[in-house]
Amino acid sequence: MLLKGENLVKSFGGTIAVNDVSFQVNEGEILAIIGPNGAGKSVLFSLISGAGKPTSGSITFAGEEIAGLSANQISRRGIARTFQLTALFEKLPVAANLALGYYKCTTSGFWGGILHTPQWKRDKKKVEEKVLQTLEFVGLGAKAFDVASTISQGEQRLLSIGIALISDPKLILFDEPTGGLIQEDTEMITKLIRKINQKGVTVCLIEHKMRMVMDLADRIVVLNYGKKIA
C-alpha cells in the first residue's frame, strides 16, 4: 500500500464535500475514482496533493502522515498532480515548461544561477538531459522549441503530463486527463498513462469516460455526494 486515506472529511461551511471517505492505493496499480459532478472527487485530490487541508481524518503516503502538509512539501515526497484545466506558461517554449517542472529537483538555488557556480552547471546539464528524455517519452520531441500556446489541445495535455512526470514521482494524480478531448487524443493519453504505469509509477485517476476507465483501471472507487458508495 502506497497511499491510504482514513475517515476523511472536508467541509465548507455547511456543505460536506468529502464525507468519511476511506480508501487505499496500492503500489504499482491504476486506481480510478468515479462519480457524478459534485461527488467530491477533485476535492479529495486536493486533500491528497496539499491544495486543501482535511477537516478531519488521516492521509498516509509511504507510511508517513501527510494530511495538512503544503502542496510543496507533498510534491517533494513524490506525489504529482495534473488538473482538469491545463495550466501552462503559454508564452514559453515546451522545453522551458518542462524545465520549470524539474526545478524542485535542483539544488543550486538563486545565487547559484546568478553566479553560475559548479553546482549550477551540473544542475543545468541534468535539467537539459531530463527535459530531452521526458519530451521523447511523452511524444513531444519534435515540439521542444514550439511556444506552448501554439501546440494543439491534445499536445498541451501531453505537456501537462510531462510536467508532472519529469520529477520522477512515485504517484501521479490525473484529474480528468482526457476531458474535452476528441477520441483520437483520448486514445493517445490513455496509451501514455498505461506507459507511465508500466514504467513503475502508481496512478490514481479521476475520469468520466467509462470506456477509458474500464480499459485502464485495476480497481475503481465510486463517490456520490461526498461518500464512498462502492
C-alpha atoms as a PDB file:
ATOM      1  CA  MET A   1       0.000   0.000   0.000  1.00  0.00           C
ATOM      2  CA  LEU A   2       1.428   3.367  -1.084  1.00  0.00           C
ATOM      3  CA  LEU A   3      -1.334   5.813  -0.159  1.00  0.00           C
ATOM      4  CA  LYS A   4      -4.082   5.465   2.440  1.00  0.00           C
ATOM      5  CA  GLY A   5      -6.913   7.796   3.405  1.00  0.00           C
ATOM      6  CA  GLU A   6      -8.886   7.111   6.570  1.00  0.00           C
ATOM      7  CA  ASN A   7     -12.210   8.703   7.546  1.00  0.00           C
ATOM      8  CA  LEU A   8     -11.528  11.848   5.518  1.00  0.00           C
ATOM      9  CA  VAL A   9     -13.936  14.742   5.941  1.00  0.00           C
ATOM     10  CA  LYS A  10     -13.805  18.122   4.202  1.00  0.00           C
ATOM     11  CA  SER A  11     -16.499  20.664   4.917  1.00  0.00           C
ATOM     12  CA  PHE A  12     -17.035  24.157   3.539  1.00  0.00           C
ATOM     13  CA  GLY A  13     -19.353  25.887   5.949  1.00  0.00           C
ATOM     14  CA  GLY A  14     -22.498  23.768   5.990  1.00  0.00           C
ATOM     15  CA  THR A  15     -21.506  21.760   2.906  1.00  0.00           C
ATOM     16  CA  ILE A  16     -19.675  18.464   3.371  1.00  0.00           C
ATOM     17  CA  ALA A  17     -17.740  17.826   0.143  1.00  0.00           C
ATOM     18  CA  VAL A  18     -15.952  14.693   1.396  1.00  0.00           C
ATOM     19  CA  ASN A  19     -17.839  12.675   3.986  1.00  0.00           C
ATOM     20  CA  ASP A  20     -15.980   9.986   5.965  1.00  0.00           C
ATOM     21  CA  VAL A  21     -14.124   8.554   2.943  1.00  0.00           C
ATOM     22  CA  SER A  22     -11.540   5.795   3.388  1.00  0.00           C
ATOM     23  CA  PHE A  23      -9.513   4.312   0.530  1.00  0.00           C
ATOM     24  CA  GLN A  24      -6.101   2.958  -0.375  1.00  0.00           C
ATOM     25  CA  VAL A  25      -3.885   2.997  -3.454  1.00  0.00           C
ATOM     26  CA  ASN A  26      -1.554   0.035  -3.832  1.00  0.00           C
ATOM     27  CA  GLU A  27       1.936   0.480  -5.214  1.00  0.00           C
ATOM     28  CA  GLY A  28       2.108  -0.072  -8.970  1.00  0.00           C
ATOM     29  CA  GLU A  29      -1.630  -0.098  -9.666  1.00  0.00           C
ATOM     30  CA  ILE A  30      -4.037   2.176 -11.512  1.00  0.00           C
ATOM     31  CA  LEU A  31      -6.933   3.202  -9.258  1.00  0.00           C
ATOM     32  CA  ALA A  32      -9.870   5.077 -10.812  1.00  0.00           C
ATOM     33  CA  ILE A  33     -12.168   7.346  -8.803  1.00  0.00           C
ATOM     34  CA  ILE A  34     -15.526   7.893 -10.477  1.00  0.00           C
ATOM     35  CA  GLY A  35     -18.829   9.565  -9.701  1.00  0.00           C
ATOM     36  CA  PRO A  36     -21.088  12.358 -10.928  1.00  0.00           C
ATOM     37  CA  ASN A  37     -20.170  16.048 -10.905  1.00  0.00           C
ATOM     38  CA  GLY A  38     -20.156  17.321  -7.339  1.00  0.00           C
ATOM     39  CA  ALA A  39     -19.356  13.910  -5.858  1.00  0.00           C
ATOM     40  CA  GLY A  40     -16.187  15.231  -4.165  1.00  0.00           C
ATOM     41  CA  LYS A  41     -13.588  13.656  -6.455  1.00  0.00           C
ATOM     42  CA  SER A  42     -11.481  16.762  -7.145  1.00  0.00           C
ATOM     43  CA  VAL A  43     -11.787  17.874  -3.510  1.00  0.00           C
ATOM     44  CA  LEU A  44     -10.370  14.502  -2.481  1.00  0.00           C
ATOM     45  CA  PHE A  45      -7.441  15.048  -4.867  1.00  0.00           C
ATOM     46  CA  SER A  46      -6.886  18.483  -3.332  1.00  0.00           C
ATOM     47  CA  LEU A  47      -6.625  16.929   0.127  1.00  0.00           C
ATOM     48  CA  ILE A  48      -4.084  14.370  -1.113  1.00  0.00           C
ATOM     49  CA  SER A  49      -1.966  16.902  -3.028  1.00  0.00           C
ATOM     50  CA  GLY A  50      -1.947  19.583  -0.335  1.00  0.00           C
ATOM     51  CA  ALA A  51      -4.119  22.130  -2.161  1.00  0.00           C
ATOM     52  CA  GLY A  52      -6.581  21.791   0.726  1.00  0.00           C
ATOM     53  CA  LYS A  53      -6.496  20.526   4.304  1.00  0.00           C
ATOM     54  CA  PRO A  54      -8.963  17.929   5.611  1.00  0.00           C
ATOM     55  CA  THR A  55     -11.408  18.965   8.306  1.00  0.00           C
ATOM     56  CA  SER A  56     -10.655  15.602   9.913  1.00  0.00           C
ATOM     57  CA  GLY A  57      -9.143  12.264   9.012  1.00  0.00           C
ATOM     58  CA  SER A  58      -5.740  10.902   8.068  1.00  0.00           C
ATOM     59  CA  ILE A  59      -3.721  10.562   4.844  1.00  0.00           C
ATOM     60  CA  THR A  60      -0.536   8.494   4.850  1.00  0.00           C
ATOM     61  CA  PHE A  61       1.883   8.209   1.936  1.00  0.00           C
ATOM     62  CA  ALA A  62       4.667   5.600   2.041  1.00  0.00           C
ATOM     63  CA  GLY A  63       3.895   5.216   5.751  1.00  0.00           C
ATOM     64  CA  GLU A  64       4.167   8.947   6.544  1.00  0.00           C
ATOM     65  CA  GLU A  65       1.308  11.209   7.609  1.00  0.00           C
ATOM     66  CA  ILE A  66       0.857  13.972   5.008  1.00  0.00           C
ATOM     67  CA  ALA A  67      -2.573  15.402   5.847  1.00  0.00           C
ATOM     68  CA  GLY A  68      -2.230  19.149   6.272  1.00  0.00           C
ATOM     69  CA  LEU A  69       1.213  19.466   4.667  1.00  0.00           C
ATOM     70  CA  SER A  70       1.681  22.121   1.995  1.00  0.00           C
ATOM     71  CA  ALA A  71       1.483  21.258  -1.705  1.00  0.00           C
ATOM     72  CA  ASN A  72       5.224  21.915  -1.977  1.00  0.00           C
ATOM     73  CA  GLN A  73       6.044  19.509   0.856  1.00  0.00           C
ATOM     74  CA  ILE A  74       3.812  16.795  -0.579  1.00  0.00           C
ATOM     75  CA  SER A  75       5.211  17.247  -4.075  1.00  0.00           C
ATOM     76  CA  ARG A  76       8.755  16.771  -2.751  1.00  0.00           C
ATOM     77  CA  ARG A  77       7.680  13.491  -1.147  1.00  0.00           C
ATOM     78  CA  GLY A  78       6.774  12.088  -4.559  1.00  0.00           C
ATOM     79  CA  ILE A  79       3.156  12.962  -5.404  1.00  0.00           C
ATOM     80  CA  ALA A  80       2.433  14.837  -8.640  1.00  0.00           C
ATOM     81  CA  ARG A  81      -0.911  16.046  -9.979  1.00  0.00           C
ATOM     82  CA  THR A  82      -2.463  17.169 -13.232  1.00  0.00           C
ATOM     83  CA  PHE A  83      -5.563  19.380 -13.333  1.00  0.00           C
ATOM     84  CA  GLN A  84      -8.825  19.456 -15.296  1.00  0.00           C
ATOM     85  CA  LEU A  85      -7.813  22.755 -16.872  1.00  0.00           C
ATOM     86  CA  THR A  86      -4.349  22.719 -18.421  1.00  0.00           C
ATOM     87  CA  ALA A  87      -2.251  25.453 -16.768  1.00  0.00           C
ATOM     88  CA  LEU A  88       0.933  26.168 -18.721  1.00  0.00           C
ATOM     89  CA  PHE A  89       3.337  29.061 -19.210  1.00  0.00           C
ATOM     90  CA  GLU A  90       1.791  29.668 -22.612  1.00  0.00           C
ATOM     91  CA  LYS A  91       4.380  32.192 -23.873  1.00  0.00           C
ATOM     92  CA  LEU A  92       7.326  29.913 -23.075  1.00  0.00           C
ATOM     93  CA  PRO A  93       8.576  27.028 -25.232  1.00  0.00           C
ATOM     94  CA  VAL A  94       7.511  23.474 -24.459  1.00  0.00           C
ATOM     95  CA  ALA A  95      11.029  22.611 -23.207  1.00  0.00           C
ATOM     96  CA  ALA A  96      11.039  25.579 -20.813  1.00  0.00           C
ATOM     97  CA  ASN A  97       7.725  24.471 -19.294  1.00  0.00           C
ATOM     98  CA  LEU A  98       9.251  21.076 -18.599  1.00  0.00           C
ATOM     99  CA  ALA A  99      12.425  22.605 -17.172  1.00  0.00           C
ATOM    100  CA  LEU A 100      10.356  24.615 -14.694  1.00  0.00           C
ATOM    101  CA  GLY A 101       8.622  21.410 -13.676  1.00  0.00           C
ATOM    102  CA  TYR A 102      12.001  19.934 -12.779  1.00  0.00           C
ATOM    103  CA  TYR A 103      13.189  22.956 -10.790  1.00  0.00           C
ATOM    104  CA  LYS A 104      12.363  21.390  -7.396  1.00  0.00           C
ATOM    105  CA  CYS A 105      14.885  18.610  -8.151  1.00  0.00           C
ATOM    106  CA  THR A 106      17.805  21.046  -8.452  1.00  0.00           C
ATOM    107  CA  THR A 107      19.923  22.343  -5.563  1.00  0.00           C
ATOM    108  CA  SER A 108      21.944  25.303  -6.874  1.00  0.00           C
ATOM    109  CA  GLY A 109      19.377  27.919  -5.843  1.00  0.00           C
ATOM    110  CA  PHE A 110      19.011  31.594  -6.772  1.00  0.00           C
ATOM    111  CA  TRP A 111      22.605  32.709  -6.176  1.00  0.00           C
ATOM    112  CA  GLY A 112      23.943  29.634  -7.940  1.00  0.00           C
ATOM    113  CA  GLY A 113      22.036  30.732 -11.023  1.00  0.00           C
ATOM    114  CA  ILE A 114      23.322  34.281 -10.742  1.00  0.00           C
ATOM    115  CA  LEU A 115      26.960  33.284 -10.170  1.00  0.00           C
ATOM    116  CA  HIS A 116      26.985  30.202 -12.426  1.00  0.00           C
ATOM    117  CA  THR A 117      28.532  28.024  -9.736  1.00  0.00           C
ATOM    118  CA  PRO A 118      29.799  24.484 -10.471  1.00  0.00           C
ATOM    119  CA  GLN A 119      26.611  23.096  -8.889  1.00  0.00           C
ATOM    120  CA  TRP A 120      24.506  25.294 -11.184  1.00  0.00           C
ATOM    121  CA  LYS A 121      26.401  23.910 -14.184  1.00  0.00           C
ATOM    122  CA  ARG A 122      25.765  20.352 -13.005  1.00  0.00           C
ATOM    123  CA  ASP A 123      22.087  21.139 -12.454  1.00  0.00           C
ATOM    124  CA  LYS A 124      21.830  22.754 -15.895  1.00  0.00           C
ATOM    125  CA  LYS A 125      23.192  19.642 -17.580  1.00  0.00           C
ATOM    126  CA  LYS A 126      20.912  17.398 -15.534  1.00  0.00           C
ATOM    127  CA  VAL A 127      17.856  19.501 -16.413  1.00  0.00           C
ATOM    128  CA  GLU A 128      18.691  19.510 -20.130  1.00  0.00           C
ATOM    129  CA  GLU A 129      19.083  15.716 -20.155  1.00  0.00           C
ATOM    130  CA  LYS A 130      15.863  15.184 -18.198  1.00  0.00           C
ATOM    131  CA  VAL A 131      13.861  17.543 -20.432  1.00  0.00           C
ATOM    132  CA  LEU A 132      15.003  15.737 -23.593  1.00  0.00           C
ATOM    133  CA  GLN A 133      14.243  12.359 -22.048  1.00  0.00           C
ATOM    134  CA  THR A 134      10.747  13.457 -20.982  1.00  0.00           C
ATOM    135  CA  LEU A 135       9.977  15.088 -24.338  1.00  0.00           C
ATOM    136  CA  GLU A 136      10.686  11.812 -26.108  1.00  0.00           C
ATOM    137  CA  PHE A 137       8.740   9.780 -23.545  1.00  0.00           C
ATOM    138  CA  VAL A 138       5.525  11.814 -23.884  1.00  0.00           C
ATOM    139  CA  GLY A 139       5.851  12.168 -27.654  1.00  0.00           C
ATOM    140  CA  LEU A 140       6.729  15.859 -27.902  1.00  0.00           C
ATOM    141  CA  GLY A 141      10.316  15.541 -29.124  1.00  0.00           C
ATOM    142  CA  ALA A 142       9.553  17.468 -32.316  1.00  0.00           C
ATOM    143  CA  LYS A 143       7.815  20.272 -30.383  1.00  0.00           C
ATOM    144  CA  ALA A 144      10.579  21.171 -27.928  1.00  0.00           C
ATOM    145  CA  PHE A 145      11.002  24.772 -29.096  1.00  0.00           C
ATOM    146  CA  ASP A 146       7.387  25.475 -30.047  1.00  0.00           C
ATOM    147  CA  VAL A 147       5.646  28.058 -27.865  1.00  0.00           C
ATOM    148  CA  ALA A 148       3.193  26.219 -25.587  1.00  0.00           C
ATOM    149  CA  SER A 149       0.177  28.249 -26.764  1.00  0.00           C
ATOM    150  CA  THR A 150       0.740  27.186 -30.386  1.00  0.00           C
ATOM    151  CA  ILE A 151       0.556  23.408 -29.922  1.00  0.00           C
ATOM    152  CA  SER A 152      -2.758  21.526 -30.094  1.00  0.00           C
ATOM    153  CA  GLN A 153      -5.031  20.902 -27.119  1.00  0.00           C
ATOM    154  CA  GLY A 154      -4.043  17.233 -27.054  1.00  0.00           C
ATOM    155  CA  GLU A 155      -0.344  18.159 -27.131  1.00  0.00           C
ATOM    156  CA  GLN A 156      -0.874  20.664 -24.327  1.00  0.00           C
ATOM    157  CA  ARG A 157      -2.353  17.836 -22.275  1.00  0.00           C
ATOM    158  CA  LEU A 158       0.714  15.716 -23.056  1.00  0.00           C
ATOM    159  CA  LEU A 159       2.882  18.612 -21.877  1.00  0.00           C
ATOM    160  CA  SER A 160       0.975  18.946 -18.602  1.00  0.00           C
ATOM    161  CA  ILE A 161       1.501  15.215 -18.002  1.00  0.00           C
ATOM    162  CA  GLY A 162       5.189  15.633 -18.837  1.00  0.00           C
ATOM    163  CA  ILE A 163       5.492  18.418 -16.244  1.00  0.00           C
ATOM    164  CA  ALA A 164       4.007  16.096 -13.613  1.00  0.00           C
ATOM    165  CA  LEU A 165       6.215  13.196 -14.712  1.00  0.00           C
ATOM    166  CA  ILE A 166       9.578  14.940 -15.054  1.00  0.00           C
ATOM    167  CA  SER A 167      10.350  14.969 -11.315  1.00  0.00           C
ATOM    168  CA  ASP A 168      10.066  11.147 -11.134  1.00  0.00           C
ATOM    169  CA  PRO A 169       7.077  10.952  -8.765  1.00  0.00           C
ATOM    170  CA  LYS A 170       6.020   7.731  -7.063  1.00  0.00           C
ATOM    171  CA  LEU A 171       2.333   8.595  -7.568  1.00  0.00           C
ATOM    172  CA  ILE A 172       0.557  10.765 -10.153  1.00  0.00           C
ATOM    173  CA  LEU A 173      -2.991  12.048  -9.635  1.00  0.00           C
ATOM    174  CA  PHE A 174      -4.712  12.530 -13.004  1.00  0.00           C
ATOM    175  CA  ASP A 175      -7.784  14.788 -12.731  1.00  0.00           C
ATOM    176  CA  GLU A 176      -9.875  14.161 -15.880  1.00  0.00           C
ATOM    177  CA  PRO A 177      -6.836  13.918 -18.183  1.00  0.00           C
ATOM    178  CA  THR A 178      -8.982  13.498 -21.322  1.00  0.00           C
ATOM    179  CA  GLY A 179     -11.740  15.991 -20.508  1.00  0.00           C
ATOM    180  CA  GLY A 180     -12.767  17.912 -23.638  1.00  0.00           C
ATOM    181  CA  LEU A 181     -10.520  15.886 -25.946  1.00  0.00           C
ATOM    182  CA  ILE A 182     -11.556  14.122 -29.141  1.00  0.00           C
ATOM    183  CA  GLN A 183     -11.411  10.328 -29.326  1.00  0.00           C
ATOM    184  CA  GLU A 184      -8.043  10.254 -31.087  1.00  0.00           C
ATOM    185  CA  ASP A 185      -6.439  12.388 -28.368  1.00  0.00           C
ATOM    186  CA  THR A 186      -8.193  10.355 -25.666  1.00  0.00           C
ATOM    187  CA  GLU A 187      -6.595   7.182 -27.018  1.00  0.00           C
ATOM    188  CA  MET A 188      -3.204   8.939 -27.105  1.00  0.00           C
ATOM    189  CA  ILE A 189      -3.496   9.984 -23.444  1.00  0.00           C
ATOM    190  CA  THR A 190      -4.728   6.514 -22.437  1.00  0.00           C
ATOM    191  CA  LYS A 191      -1.669   4.900 -24.013  1.00  0.00           C
ATOM    192  CA  LEU A 192       0.629   7.379 -22.268  1.00  0.00           C
ATOM    193  CA  ILE A 193      -0.930   6.735 -18.841  1.00  0.00           C
ATOM    194  CA  ARG A 194      -0.511   2.999 -19.350  1.00  0.00           C
ATOM    195  CA  LYS A 195       3.113   3.587 -20.419  1.00  0.00           C
ATOM    196  CA  ILE A 196       3.748   5.690 -17.300  1.00  0.00           C
ATOM    197  CA  ASN A 197       2.289   2.965 -15.100  1.00  0.00           C
ATOM    198  CA  GLN A 198       4.389   0.304 -16.814  1.00  0.00           C
ATOM    199  CA  LYS A 199       7.422   2.449 -16.001  1.00  0.00           C
ATOM    200  CA  GLY A 200       6.641   1.824 -12.323  1.00  0.00           C
ATOM    201  CA  VAL A 201       4.637   4.941 -11.413  1.00  0.00           C
ATOM    202  CA  THR A 202       1.459   4.371  -9.413  1.00  0.00           C
ATOM    203  CA  VAL A 203      -1.594   6.099 -10.895  1.00  0.00           C
ATOM    204  CA  CYS A 204      -4.782   7.468  -9.341  1.00  0.00           C
ATOM    205  CA  LEU A 205      -7.260   8.689 -11.932  1.00  0.00           C
ATOM    206  CA  ILE A 206     -10.471  10.739 -11.997  1.00  0.00           C
ATOM    207  CA  GLU A 207     -12.317  10.279 -15.259  1.00  0.00           C
ATOM    208  CA  HIS A 208     -15.873  10.390 -16.660  1.00  0.00           C
ATOM    209  CA  LYS A 209     -15.152   8.381 -19.817  1.00  0.00           C
ATOM    210  CA  MET A 210     -16.115   4.917 -18.649  1.00  0.00           C
ATOM    211  CA  ARG A 211     -14.661   3.089 -21.620  1.00  0.00           C
ATOM    212  CA  MET A 212     -11.273   4.562 -20.744  1.00  0.00           C
ATOM    213  CA  VAL A 213     -11.726   3.746 -17.050  1.00  0.00           C
ATOM    214  CA  MET A 214     -12.638   0.122 -17.745  1.00  0.00           C
ATOM    215  CA  ASP A 215      -9.695  -0.188 -20.115  1.00  0.00           C
ATOM    216  CA  LEU A 216      -7.129   1.204 -17.658  1.00  0.00           C
ATOM    217  CA  ALA A 217      -8.157   0.676 -14.046  1.00  0.00           C
ATOM    218  CA  ASP A 218      -7.167  -2.224 -11.791  1.00  0.00           C
ATOM    219  CA  ARG A 219      -9.726  -1.086  -9.203  1.00  0.00           C
ATOM    220  CA  ILE A 220     -12.464   1.560  -9.050  1.00  0.00           C
ATOM    221  CA  VAL A 221     -13.760   3.666  -6.142  1.00  0.00           C
ATOM    222  CA  VAL A 222     -17.209   5.253  -6.581  1.00  0.00           C
ATOM    223  CA  LEU A 223     -18.140   8.523  -4.829  1.00  0.00           C
ATOM    224  CA  ASN A 224     -21.540  10.183  -4.623  1.00  0.00           C
ATOM    225  CA  TYR A 225     -22.473  13.264  -2.571  1.00  0.00           C
ATOM    226  CA  GLY A 226     -19.103  13.075  -0.876  1.00  0.00           C
ATOM    227  CA  LYS A 227     -19.450   9.468   0.320  1.00  0.00           C
ATOM    228  CA  LYS A 228     -17.835   6.296  -0.950  1.00  0.00           C
ATOM    229  CA  ILE A 229     -20.647   4.039  -2.131  1.00  0.00           C
ATOM    230  CA  ALA A 230     -18.685   1.227  -3.844  1.00  0.00           C
END
